[in-house]
Amino acid sequence: RNSYLNGIWGNEERHLTFNPFQPGLPFELSIHCDN
């Protein structure tokens, strides 16, 4: 995960305990945004 702002990439965030997206399987991704 990262942001590209003012022509520059920021610091990457990589640490996760698992990757739920698995080949051959369906998924539902829900994105919630707040302040």
Full PDB file with SEQRES, HELIX, SHEET, SSBOND, CRYST1, ORIGX, SCALE, CONECT and MASTER records, all heavy atoms in Angstrom:
SEQRES   1 A   35  ARG ASN SER TYR LEU ASN GLY ILE TRP GLY ASN GLU GLU          
SEQRES   2 A   35  ARG HIS LEU THR PHE ASN PRO PHE GLN PRO GLY LEU PRO          
SEQRES   3 A   35  PHE GLU LEU SER ILE HIS CYS ASP ASN                          
SHEET    1 AA1 2 TYR A   4  LEU A   5  0                                        
SHEET    2 AA1 2 ILE A   8  TRP A   9 -1                                        
CRYST1    1.000    1.000    1.000  90.00  90.00  90.00 P 1           1          
ORIGX1      1.000000  0.000000  0.000000        0.00000                         
ORIGX2      0.000000  1.000000  0.000000        0.00000                         
ORIGX3      0.000000  0.000000  1.000000        0.00000                         
SCALE1      1.000000  0.000000  0.000000        0.00000                         
SCALE2      0.000000  1.000000  0.000000        0.00000                         
SCALE3      0.000000  0.000000  1.000000        0.00000                         
ATOM      1  N   ARG A   1       0.839  -1.192   0.000  1.00  0.00           N  
ATOM      2  CA  ARG A   1       0.000   0.000   0.000  1.00  0.00           C  
ATOM      3  C   ARG A   1       0.877   1.245   0.000  1.00  0.00           C  
ATOM      4  O   ARG A   1       1.891   1.280   0.717  1.00  0.00           O  
ATOM      5  CB  ARG A   1      -0.923   0.043   1.225  1.00  0.00           C  
ATOM      6  CG  ARG A   1      -1.979  -1.060   1.239  1.00  0.00           C  
ATOM      7  CD  ARG A   1      -1.523  -2.314   1.899  1.00  0.00           C  
ATOM      8  NE  ARG A   1      -1.319  -2.108   3.340  1.00  0.00           N  
ATOM      9  CZ  ARG A   1      -0.563  -2.896   4.094  1.00  0.00           C  
ATOM     10  NH1 ARG A   1       0.074  -3.925   3.571  1.00  0.00           N  
ATOM     11  NH2 ARG A   1      -0.435  -2.661   5.404  1.00  0.00           N  
ATOM     12  N   ASN A   2       0.476   2.242  -0.777  1.00  0.00           N  
ATOM     13  CA  ASN A   2       1.285   3.452  -0.863  1.00  0.00           C  
ATOM     14  C   ASN A   2       0.441   4.587  -1.427  1.00  0.00           C  
ATOM     15  O   ASN A   2      -0.709   4.397  -1.840  1.00  0.00           O  
ATOM     16  CB  ASN A   2       2.517   3.221  -1.737  1.00  0.00           C  
ATOM     17  CG  ASN A   2       3.686   4.123  -1.378  1.00  0.00           C  
ATOM     18  OD1 ASN A   2       3.512   5.154  -0.719  1.00  0.00           O  
ATOM     19  ND2 ASN A   2       4.880   3.742  -1.795  1.00  0.00           N  
ATOM     20  N   SER A   3       1.038   5.808  -1.454  1.00  0.00           N  
ATOM     21  CA  SER A   3       0.406   6.988  -2.049  1.00  0.00           C  
ATOM     22  C   SER A   3       1.407   7.664  -2.981  1.00  0.00           C  
ATOM     23  O   SER A   3       2.612   7.705  -2.685  1.00  0.00           O  
ATOM     24  CB  SER A   3      -0.037   7.978  -0.966  1.00  0.00           C  
ATOM     25  OG  SER A   3      -1.008   7.419  -0.114  1.00  0.00           O  
ATOM     26  N   TYR A   4       0.879   8.189  -4.105  1.00  0.00           N  
ATOM     27  CA  TYR A   4       1.696   8.932  -5.057  1.00  0.00           C  
ATOM     28  C   TYR A   4       1.180  10.367  -5.086  1.00  0.00           C  
ATOM     29  O   TYR A   4       0.139  10.647  -5.682  1.00  0.00           O  
ATOM     30  CB  TYR A   4       1.612   8.291  -6.439  1.00  0.00           C  
ATOM     31  CG  TYR A   4       2.484   8.934  -7.488  1.00  0.00           C  
ATOM     32  CD1 TYR A   4       3.847   8.649  -7.556  1.00  0.00           C  
ATOM     33  CD2 TYR A   4       1.943   9.822  -8.413  1.00  0.00           C  
ATOM     34  CE1 TYR A   4       4.648   9.223  -8.526  1.00  0.00           C  
ATOM     35  CE2 TYR A   4       2.730  10.409  -9.386  1.00  0.00           C  
ATOM     36  CZ  TYR A   4       4.082  10.105  -9.441  1.00  0.00           C  
ATOM     37  OH  TYR A   4       4.874  10.689 -10.411  1.00  0.00           O  
ATOM     38  N   LEU A   5       1.893  11.266  -4.400  1.00  0.00           N  
ATOM     39  CA  LEU A   5       1.442  12.649  -4.233  1.00  0.00           C  
ATOM     40  C   LEU A   5       2.543  13.616  -4.634  1.00  0.00           C  
ATOM     41  O   LEU A   5       3.718  13.410  -4.282  1.00  0.00           O  
ATOM     42  CB  LEU A   5       1.021  12.897  -2.778  1.00  0.00           C  
ATOM     43  CG  LEU A   5      -0.018  11.920  -2.189  1.00  0.00           C  
ATOM     44  CD1 LEU A   5      -0.218  12.200  -0.711  1.00  0.00           C  
ATOM     45  CD2 LEU A   5      -1.331  12.012  -2.955  1.00  0.00           C  
ATOM     46  N   ASN A   6       2.167  14.649  -5.373  1.00  0.00           N  
ATOM     47  CA  ASN A   6       3.118  15.674  -5.817  1.00  0.00           C  
ATOM     48  C   ASN A   6       4.291  15.058  -6.569  1.00  0.00           C  
ATOM     49  O   ASN A   6       5.449  15.495  -6.443  1.00  0.00           O  
ATOM     50  CB  ASN A   6       3.623  16.491  -4.629  1.00  0.00           C  
ATOM     51  CG  ASN A   6       2.513  17.218  -3.898  1.00  0.00           C  
ATOM     52  OD1 ASN A   6       1.630  17.808  -4.529  1.00  0.00           O  
ATOM     53  ND2 ASN A   6       2.541  17.160  -2.572  1.00  0.00           N  
ATOM     54  N   GLY A   7       3.997  14.001  -7.347  1.00  0.00           N  
ATOM     55  CA  GLY A   7       5.022  13.380  -8.172  1.00  0.00           C  
ATOM     56  C   GLY A   7       5.984  12.476  -7.429  1.00  0.00           C  
ATOM     57  O   GLY A   7       7.002  12.061  -8.000  1.00  0.00           O  
ATOM     58  N   ILE A   8       5.672  12.117  -6.183  1.00  0.00           N  
ATOM     59  CA  ILE A   8       6.604  11.315  -5.373  1.00  0.00           C  
ATOM     60  C   ILE A   8       5.836  10.190  -4.687  1.00  0.00           C  
ATOM     61  O   ILE A   8       4.756  10.409  -4.125  1.00  0.00           O  
ATOM     62  CB  ILE A   8       7.312  12.185  -4.308  1.00  0.00           C  
ATOM     63  CG1 ILE A   8       8.078  13.325  -4.977  1.00  0.00           C  
ATOM     64  CG2 ILE A   8       8.244  11.342  -3.436  1.00  0.00           C  
ATOM     65  CD1 ILE A   8       8.660  14.314  -3.997  1.00  0.00           C  
ATOM     66  N   TRP A   9       6.409   8.962  -4.721  1.00  0.00           N  
ATOM     67  CA  TRP A   9       5.854   7.863  -3.947  1.00  0.00           C  
ATOM     68  C   TRP A   9       6.245   8.013  -2.489  1.00  0.00           C  
ATOM     69  O   TRP A   9       7.370   8.399  -2.163  1.00  0.00           O  
ATOM     70  CB  TRP A   9       6.374   6.518  -4.463  1.00  0.00           C  
ATOM     71  CG  TRP A   9       5.740   6.075  -5.753  1.00  0.00           C  
ATOM     72  CD1 TRP A   9       6.289   6.105  -6.994  1.00  0.00           C  
ATOM     73  CD2 TRP A   9       4.420   5.544  -5.902  1.00  0.00           C  
ATOM     74  NE1 TRP A   9       5.401   5.639  -7.926  1.00  0.00           N  
ATOM     75  CE2 TRP A   9       4.245   5.270  -7.292  1.00  0.00           C  
ATOM     76  CE3 TRP A   9       3.379   5.262  -5.028  1.00  0.00           C  
ATOM     77  CZ2 TRP A   9       3.071   4.742  -7.799  1.00  0.00           C  
ATOM     78  CZ3 TRP A   9       2.210   4.729  -5.537  1.00  0.00           C  
ATOM     79  CH2 TRP A   9       2.057   4.474  -6.895  1.00  0.00           C  
ATOM     80  N   GLY A  10       5.323   7.687  -1.594  1.00  0.00           N  
ATOM     81  CA  GLY A  10       5.595   7.749  -0.165  1.00  0.00           C  
ATOM     82  C   GLY A  10       6.188   6.457   0.359  1.00  0.00           C  
ATOM     83  O   GLY A  10       6.687   5.614  -0.413  1.00  0.00           O  
ATOM     84  N   ASN A  11       6.150   6.283   1.660  1.00  0.00           N  
ATOM     85  CA  ASN A  11       6.667   5.073   2.297  1.00  0.00           C  
ATOM     86  C   ASN A  11       5.670   3.931   2.125  1.00  0.00           C  
ATOM     87  O   ASN A  11       4.480   4.087   2.399  1.00  0.00           O  
ATOM     88  CB  ASN A  11       6.927   5.305   3.785  1.00  0.00           C  
ATOM     89  CG  ASN A  11       8.032   6.318   4.015  1.00  0.00           C  
ATOM     90  OD1 ASN A  11       9.004   6.373   3.249  1.00  0.00           O  
ATOM     91  ND2 ASN A  11       7.892   7.137   5.054  1.00  0.00           N  
ATOM     92  N   GLU A  12       6.168   2.777   1.696  1.00  0.00           N  
ATOM     93  CA  GLU A  12       5.318   1.614   1.503  1.00  0.00           C  
ATOM     94  C   GLU A  12       4.885   1.017   2.841  1.00  0.00           C  
ATOM     95  O   GLU A  12       5.637   1.045   3.817  1.00  0.00           O  
ATOM     96  CB  GLU A  12       6.051   0.529   0.699  1.00  0.00           C  
ATOM     97  CG  GLU A  12       6.198   0.843  -0.766  1.00  0.00           C  
ATOM     98  CD  GLU A  12       6.778  -0.339  -1.531  1.00  0.00           C  
ATOM     99  OE1 GLU A  12       7.260  -1.293  -0.869  1.00  0.00           O  
ATOM    100  OE2 GLU A  12       6.757  -0.313  -2.782  1.00  0.00           O  
ATOM    101  N   GLU A  13       3.669   0.495   2.837  1.00  0.00           N  
ATOM    102  CA  GLU A  13       3.200  -0.313   3.953  1.00  0.00           C  
ATOM    103  C   GLU A  13       3.010  -1.725   3.412  1.00  0.00           C  
ATOM    104  O   GLU A  13       2.244  -1.936   2.467  1.00  0.00           O  
ATOM    105  CB  GLU A  13       1.891   0.248   4.515  1.00  0.00           C  
ATOM    106  CG  GLU A  13       2.032   1.652   5.080  1.00  0.00           C  
ATOM    107  CD  GLU A  13       0.731   2.203   5.651  1.00  0.00           C  
ATOM    108  OE1 GLU A  13      -0.197   1.384   5.880  1.00  0.00           O  
ATOM    109  OE2 GLU A  13       0.637   3.417   5.851  1.00  0.00           O  
ATOM    110  N   ARG A  14       3.695  -2.706   4.024  1.00  0.00           N  
ATOM    111  CA  ARG A  14       3.700  -4.058   3.468  1.00  0.00           C  
ATOM    112  C   ARG A  14       3.244  -5.114   4.463  1.00  0.00           C  
ATOM    113  O   ARG A  14       2.812  -6.194   4.071  1.00  0.00           O  
ATOM    114  CB  ARG A  14       5.109  -4.428   2.976  1.00  0.00           C  
ATOM    115  CG  ARG A  14       5.676  -3.487   1.923  1.00  0.00           C  
ATOM    116  CD  ARG A  14       7.071  -3.903   1.521  1.00  0.00           C  
ATOM    117  NE  ARG A  14       7.070  -5.166   0.798  1.00  0.00           N  
ATOM    118  CZ  ARG A  14       7.028  -5.264  -0.522  1.00  0.00           C  
ATOM    119  NH1 ARG A  14       6.970  -4.170  -1.272  1.00  0.00           N  
ATOM    120  NH2 ARG A  14       7.033  -6.437  -1.108  1.00  0.00           N  
ATOM    121  N   HIS A  15       3.347  -4.839   5.767  1.00  0.00           N  
ATOM    122  CA  HIS A  15       3.123  -5.890   6.748  1.00  0.00           C  
ATOM    123  C   HIS A  15       1.644  -6.285   6.812  1.00  0.00           C  
ATOM    124  O   HIS A  15       0.765  -5.453   7.018  1.00  0.00           O  
ATOM    125  CB  HIS A  15       3.567  -5.445   8.139  1.00  0.00           C  
ATOM    126  CG  HIS A  15       3.281  -6.469   9.199  1.00  0.00           C  
ATOM    127  ND1 HIS A  15       3.974  -7.647   9.294  1.00  0.00           N  
ATOM    128  CD2 HIS A  15       2.351  -6.490  10.192  1.00  0.00           C  
ATOM    129  CE1 HIS A  15       3.496  -8.353  10.299  1.00  0.00           C  
ATOM    130  NE2 HIS A  15       2.510  -7.672  10.868  1.00  0.00           N  
ATOM    131  N   LEU A  16       1.383  -7.561   6.579  1.00  0.00           N  
ATOM    132  CA  LEU A  16       0.058  -8.142   6.744  1.00  0.00           C  
ATOM    133  C   LEU A  16       0.224  -9.585   7.208  1.00  0.00           C  
ATOM    134  O   LEU A  16       1.202 -10.258   6.854  1.00  0.00           O  
ATOM    135  CB  LEU A  16      -0.733  -8.122   5.429  1.00  0.00           C  
ATOM    136  CG  LEU A  16      -1.360  -6.796   5.006  1.00  0.00           C  
ATOM    137  CD1 LEU A  16      -2.042  -6.952   3.664  1.00  0.00           C  
ATOM    138  CD2 LEU A  16      -2.367  -6.306   6.027  1.00  0.00           C  
ATOM    139  N   THR A  17      -0.736 -10.059   7.959  1.00  0.00           N  
ATOM    140  CA  THR A  17      -0.647 -11.422   8.465  1.00  0.00           C  
ATOM    141  C   THR A  17      -1.102 -12.443   7.438  1.00  0.00           C  
ATOM    142  O   THR A  17      -0.745 -13.615   7.523  1.00  0.00           O  
ATOM    143  CB  THR A  17      -1.501 -11.581   9.743  1.00  0.00           C  
ATOM    144  OG1 THR A  17      -2.845 -11.205   9.437  1.00  0.00           O  
ATOM    145  CG2 THR A  17      -0.958 -10.686  10.851  1.00  0.00           C  
ATOM    146  N   PHE A  18      -1.905 -12.013   6.426  1.00  0.00           N  
ATOM    147  CA  PHE A  18      -2.382 -12.958   5.421  1.00  0.00           C  
ATOM    148  C   PHE A  18      -2.840 -12.212   4.174  1.00  0.00           C  
ATOM    149  O   PHE A  18      -3.083 -11.009   4.214  1.00  0.00           O  
ATOM    150  CB  PHE A  18      -3.536 -13.799   5.977  1.00  0.00           C  
ATOM    151  CG  PHE A  18      -4.848 -13.043   6.061  1.00  0.00           C  
ATOM    152  CD1 PHE A  18      -5.899 -13.360   5.234  1.00  0.00           C  
ATOM    153  CD2 PHE A  18      -5.016 -11.994   6.974  1.00  0.00           C  
ATOM    154  CE1 PHE A  18      -7.095 -12.678   5.297  1.00  0.00           C  
ATOM    155  CE2 PHE A  18      -6.213 -11.305   7.048  1.00  0.00           C  
ATOM    156  CZ  PHE A  18      -7.261 -11.645   6.207  1.00  0.00           C  
ATOM    157  N   ASN A  19      -2.931 -12.941   3.064  1.00  0.00           N  
ATOM    158  CA  ASN A  19      -3.472 -12.417   1.813  1.00  0.00           C  
ATOM    159  C   ASN A  19      -4.738 -13.207   1.488  1.00  0.00           C  
ATOM    160  O   ASN A  19      -4.674 -14.382   1.140  1.00  0.00           O  
ATOM    161  CB  ASN A  19      -2.447 -12.564   0.687  1.00  0.00           C  
ATOM    162  CG  ASN A  19      -2.946 -12.007  -0.643  1.00  0.00           C  
ATOM    163  OD1 ASN A  19      -4.114 -11.651  -0.781  1.00  0.00           O  
ATOM    164  ND2 ASN A  19      -2.060 -11.929  -1.623  1.00  0.00           N  
ATOM    165  N   PRO A  20      -5.905 -12.592   1.627  1.00  0.00           N  
ATOM    166  CA  PRO A  20      -7.160 -13.342   1.452  1.00  0.00           C  
ATOM    167  C   PRO A  20      -7.532 -13.592  -0.002  1.00  0.00           C  
ATOM    168  O   PRO A  20      -8.496 -14.312  -0.265  1.00  0.00           O  
ATOM    169  CB  PRO A  20      -8.176 -12.436   2.135  1.00  0.00           C  
ATOM    170  CG  PRO A  20      -7.629 -11.068   1.926  1.00  0.00           C  
ATOM    171  CD  PRO A  20      -6.137 -11.195   1.989  1.00  0.00           C  
ATOM    172  N   PHE A  21      -6.819 -12.979  -0.955  1.00  0.00           N  
ATOM    173  CA  PHE A  21      -7.147 -13.166  -2.363  1.00  0.00           C  
ATOM    174  C   PHE A  21      -6.445 -14.420  -2.863  1.00  0.00           C  
ATOM    175  O   PHE A  21      -5.219 -14.444  -3.011  1.00  0.00           O  
ATOM    176  CB  PHE A  21      -6.730 -11.946  -3.185  1.00  0.00           C  
ATOM    177  CG  PHE A  21      -7.500 -10.708  -2.836  1.00  0.00           C  
ATOM    178  CD1 PHE A  21      -7.038  -9.849  -1.842  1.00  0.00           C  
ATOM    179  CD2 PHE A  21      -8.684 -10.400  -3.479  1.00  0.00           C  
ATOM    180  CE1 PHE A  21      -7.754  -8.709  -1.507  1.00  0.00           C  
ATOM    181  CE2 PHE A  21      -9.393  -9.258  -3.154  1.00  0.00           C  
ATOM    182  CZ  PHE A  21      -8.932  -8.413  -2.163  1.00  0.00           C  
ATOM    183  N   GLN A  22      -7.219 -15.470  -3.121  1.00  0.00           N  
ATOM    184  CA  GLN A  22      -6.659 -16.758  -3.495  1.00  0.00           C  
ATOM    185  C   GLN A  22      -7.089 -17.133  -4.913  1.00  0.00           C  
ATOM    186  O   GLN A  22      -8.275 -17.024  -5.258  1.00  0.00           O  
ATOM    187  CB  GLN A  22      -7.111 -17.839  -2.512  1.00  0.00           C  
ATOM    188  CG  GLN A  22      -6.680 -17.585  -1.072  1.00  0.00           C  
ATOM    189  CD  GLN A  22      -5.174 -17.542  -0.918  1.00  0.00           C  
ATOM    190  OE1 GLN A  22      -4.463 -18.313  -1.541  1.00  0.00           O  
ATOM    191  NE2 GLN A  22      -4.682 -16.632  -0.084  1.00  0.00           N  
ATOM    192  N   PRO A  23      -6.132 -17.579  -5.749  1.00  0.00           N  
ATOM    193  CA  PRO A  23      -6.487 -17.993  -7.120  1.00  0.00           C  
ATOM    194  C   PRO A  23      -7.571 -19.059  -7.128  1.00  0.00           C  
ATOM    195  O   PRO A  23      -7.562 -19.991  -6.331  1.00  0.00           O  
ATOM    196  CB  PRO A  23      -5.160 -18.544  -7.661  1.00  0.00           C  
ATOM    197  CG  PRO A  23      -4.105 -17.818  -6.875  1.00  0.00           C  
ATOM    198  CD  PRO A  23      -4.691 -17.653  -5.496  1.00  0.00           C  
ATOM    199  N   GLY A  24      -8.526 -18.869  -8.044  1.00  0.00           N  
ATOM    200  CA  GLY A  24      -9.606 -19.821  -8.205  1.00  0.00           C  
ATOM    201  C   GLY A  24     -10.795 -19.608  -7.304  1.00  0.00           C  
ATOM    202  O   GLY A  24     -11.766 -20.367  -7.378  1.00  0.00           O  
ATOM    203  N   LEU A  25     -10.752 -18.577  -6.448  1.00  0.00           N  
ATOM    204  CA  LEU A  25     -11.833 -18.378  -5.484  1.00  0.00           C  
ATOM    205  C   LEU A  25     -12.478 -17.007  -5.650  1.00  0.00           C  
ATOM    206  O   LEU A  25     -11.809 -16.025  -5.998  1.00  0.00           O  
ATOM    207  CB  LEU A  25     -11.309 -18.510  -4.056  1.00  0.00           C  
ATOM    208  CG  LEU A  25     -10.792 -19.892  -3.646  1.00  0.00           C  
ATOM    209  CD1 LEU A  25     -10.260 -19.856  -2.226  1.00  0.00           C  
ATOM    210  CD2 LEU A  25     -11.881 -20.948  -3.779  1.00  0.00           C  
ATOM    211  N   PRO A  26     -13.794 -16.893  -5.364  1.00  0.00           N  
ATOM    212  CA  PRO A  26     -14.476 -15.590  -5.382  1.00  0.00           C  
ATOM    213  C   PRO A  26     -14.115 -14.784  -4.136  1.00  0.00           C  
ATOM    214  O   PRO A  26     -13.610 -15.328  -3.147  1.00  0.00           O  
ATOM    215  CB  PRO A  26     -15.953 -15.962  -5.400  1.00  0.00           C  
ATOM    216  CG  PRO A  26     -16.010 -17.285  -4.722  1.00  0.00           C  
ATOM    217  CD  PRO A  26     -14.731 -17.995  -5.078  1.00  0.00           C  
ATOM    218  N   PHE A  27     -14.373 -13.482  -4.186  1.00  0.00           N  
ATOM    219  CA  PHE A  27     -14.116 -12.611  -3.039  1.00  0.00           C  
ATOM    220  C   PHE A  27     -15.135 -11.492  -3.004  1.00  0.00           C  
ATOM    221  O   PHE A  27     -15.768 -11.166  -4.009  1.00  0.00           O  
ATOM    222  CB  PHE A  27     -12.706 -12.011  -3.101  1.00  0.00           C  
ATOM    223  CG  PHE A  27     -12.506 -11.031  -4.237  1.00  0.00           C  
ATOM    224  CD1 PHE A  27     -12.854  -9.687  -4.098  1.00  0.00           C  
ATOM    225  CD2 PHE A  27     -12.000 -11.452  -5.452  1.00  0.00           C  
ATOM    226  CE1 PHE A  27     -12.690  -8.789  -5.145  1.00  0.00           C  
ATOM    227  CE2 PHE A  27     -11.837 -10.558  -6.511  1.00  0.00           C  
ATOM    228  CZ  PHE A  27     -12.181  -9.221  -6.347  1.00  0.00           C  
ATOM    229  N   GLU A  28     -15.288 -10.875  -1.827  1.00  0.00           N  
ATOM    230  CA  GLU A  28     -16.031  -9.629  -1.656  1.00  0.00           C  
ATOM    231  C   GLU A  28     -15.161  -8.679  -0.867  1.00  0.00           C  
ATOM    232  O   GLU A  28     -14.790  -8.952   0.273  1.00  0.00           O  
ATOM    233  CB  GLU A  28     -17.351  -9.848  -0.928  1.00  0.00           C  
ATOM    234  CG  GLU A  28     -18.124  -8.539  -0.740  1.00  0.00           C  
ATOM    235  CD  GLU A  28     -19.487  -8.726  -0.109  1.00  0.00           C  
ATOM    236  OE1 GLU A  28     -20.406  -9.141  -0.814  1.00  0.00           O  
ATOM    237  OE2 GLU A  28     -19.600  -8.469   1.112  1.00  0.00           O  
ATOM    238  N   LEU A  29     -14.795  -7.566  -1.502  1.00  0.00           N  
ATOM    239  CA  LEU A  29     -13.949  -6.544  -0.878  1.00  0.00           C  
ATOM    240  C   LEU A  29     -14.821  -5.367  -0.484  1.00  0.00           C  
ATOM    241  O   LEU A  29     -15.500  -4.778  -1.331  1.00  0.00           O  
ATOM    242  CB  LEU A  29     -12.864  -6.094  -1.858  1.00  0.00           C  
ATOM    243  CG  LEU A  29     -11.997  -4.902  -1.442  1.00  0.00           C  
ATOM    244  CD1 LEU A  29     -11.164  -5.245  -0.221  1.00  0.00           C  
ATOM    245  CD2 LEU A  29     -11.105  -4.463  -2.600  1.00  0.00           C  
ATOM    246  N   SER A  30     -14.833  -5.025   0.802  1.00  0.00           N  
ATOM    247  CA  SER A  30     -15.592  -3.882   1.303  1.00  0.00           C  
ATOM    248  C   SER A  30     -14.624  -2.802   1.748  1.00  0.00           C  
ATOM    249  O   SER A  30     -13.681  -3.078   2.503  1.00  0.00           O  
ATOM    250  CB  SER A  30     -16.491  -4.299   2.474  1.00  0.00           C  
ATOM    251  OG  SER A  30     -17.431  -5.264   2.062  1.00  0.00           O  
ATOM    252  N   ILE A  31     -14.854  -1.582   1.278  1.00  0.00           N  
ATOM    253  CA  ILE A  31     -13.979  -0.456   1.592  1.00  0.00           C  
ATOM    254  C   ILE A  31     -14.802   0.591   2.324  1.00  0.00           C  
ATOM    255  O   ILE A  31     -15.805   1.082   1.789  1.00  0.00           O  
ATOM    256  CB  ILE A  31     -13.366   0.145   0.313  1.00  0.00           C  
ATOM    257  CG1 ILE A  31     -12.642  -0.945  -0.477  1.00  0.00           C  
ATOM    258  CG2 ILE A  31     -12.431   1.297   0.651  1.00  0.00           C  
ATOM    259  CD1 ILE A  31     -12.834  -0.847  -1.952  1.00  0.00           C  
ATOM    260  N   HIS A  32     -14.395   0.928   3.526  1.00  0.00           N  
ATOM    261  CA  HIS A  32     -15.077   1.943   4.337  1.00  0.00           C  
ATOM    262  C   HIS A  32     -14.146   3.133   4.500  1.00  0.00           C  
ATOM    263  O   HIS A  32     -12.966   2.967   4.817  1.00  0.00           O  
ATOM    264  CB  HIS A  32     -15.462   1.373   5.702  1.00  0.00           C  
ATOM    265  CG  HIS A  32     -16.132   2.378   6.592  1.00  0.00           C  
ATOM    266  ND1 HIS A  32     -17.479   2.692   6.474  1.00  0.00           N  
ATOM    267  CD2 HIS A  32     -15.650   3.147   7.599  1.00  0.00           C  
ATOM    268  CE1 HIS A  32     -17.786   3.611   7.376  1.00  0.00           C  
ATOM    269  NE2 HIS A  32     -16.704   3.899   8.067  1.00  0.00           N  
ATOM    270  N   CYS A  33     -14.673   4.326   4.268  1.00  0.00           N  
ATOM    271  CA  CYS A  33     -13.876   5.547   4.369  1.00  0.00           C  
ATOM    272  C   CYS A  33     -14.454   6.450   5.451  1.00  0.00           C  
ATOM    273  O   CYS A  33     -15.666   6.663   5.511  1.00  0.00           O  
ATOM    274  CB  CYS A  33     -13.863   6.268   3.020  1.00  0.00           C  
ATOM    275  SG  CYS A  33     -12.897   7.791   2.993  1.00  0.00           S  
ATOM    276  N   ASP A  34     -13.580   6.971   6.330  1.00  0.00           N  
ATOM    277  CA  ASP A  34     -14.012   7.977   7.296  1.00  0.00           C  
ATOM    278  C   ASP A  34     -12.997   9.118   7.314  1.00  0.00           C  
ATOM    279  O   ASP A  34     -12.131   9.199   6.430  1.00  0.00           O  
ATOM    280  CB  ASP A  34     -14.216   7.367   8.689  1.00  0.00           C  
ATOM    281  CG  ASP A  34     -12.954   6.731   9.258  1.00  0.00           C  
ATOM    282  OD1 ASP A  34     -11.848   7.197   8.920  1.00  0.00           O  
ATOM    283  OD2 ASP A  34     -13.071   5.783  10.062  1.00  0.00           O  
ATOM    284  N   ASN A  35     -13.086  10.004   8.291  1.00  0.00           N  
ATOM    285  CA  ASN A  35     -12.207  11.174   8.321  1.00  0.00           C  
ATOM    286  C   ASN A  35     -10.745  10.828   8.541  1.00  0.00           C  
ATOM    287  O   ASN A  35      -9.851  11.614   8.181  1.00  0.00           O  
ATOM    288  CB  ASN A  35     -12.647  12.140   9.434  1.00  0.00           C  
ATOM    289  CG  ASN A  35     -13.801  13.018   8.998  1.00  0.00           C  
ATOM    290  OD1 ASN A  35     -13.874  13.411   7.839  1.00  0.00           O  
ATOM    291  ND2 ASN A  35     -14.718  13.298   9.916  1.00  0.00           N  
TER     292      ASN A  35                                                      
MASTER        0    0    0    0    2    0    0    6  291    1    0    3          
END                                                                             
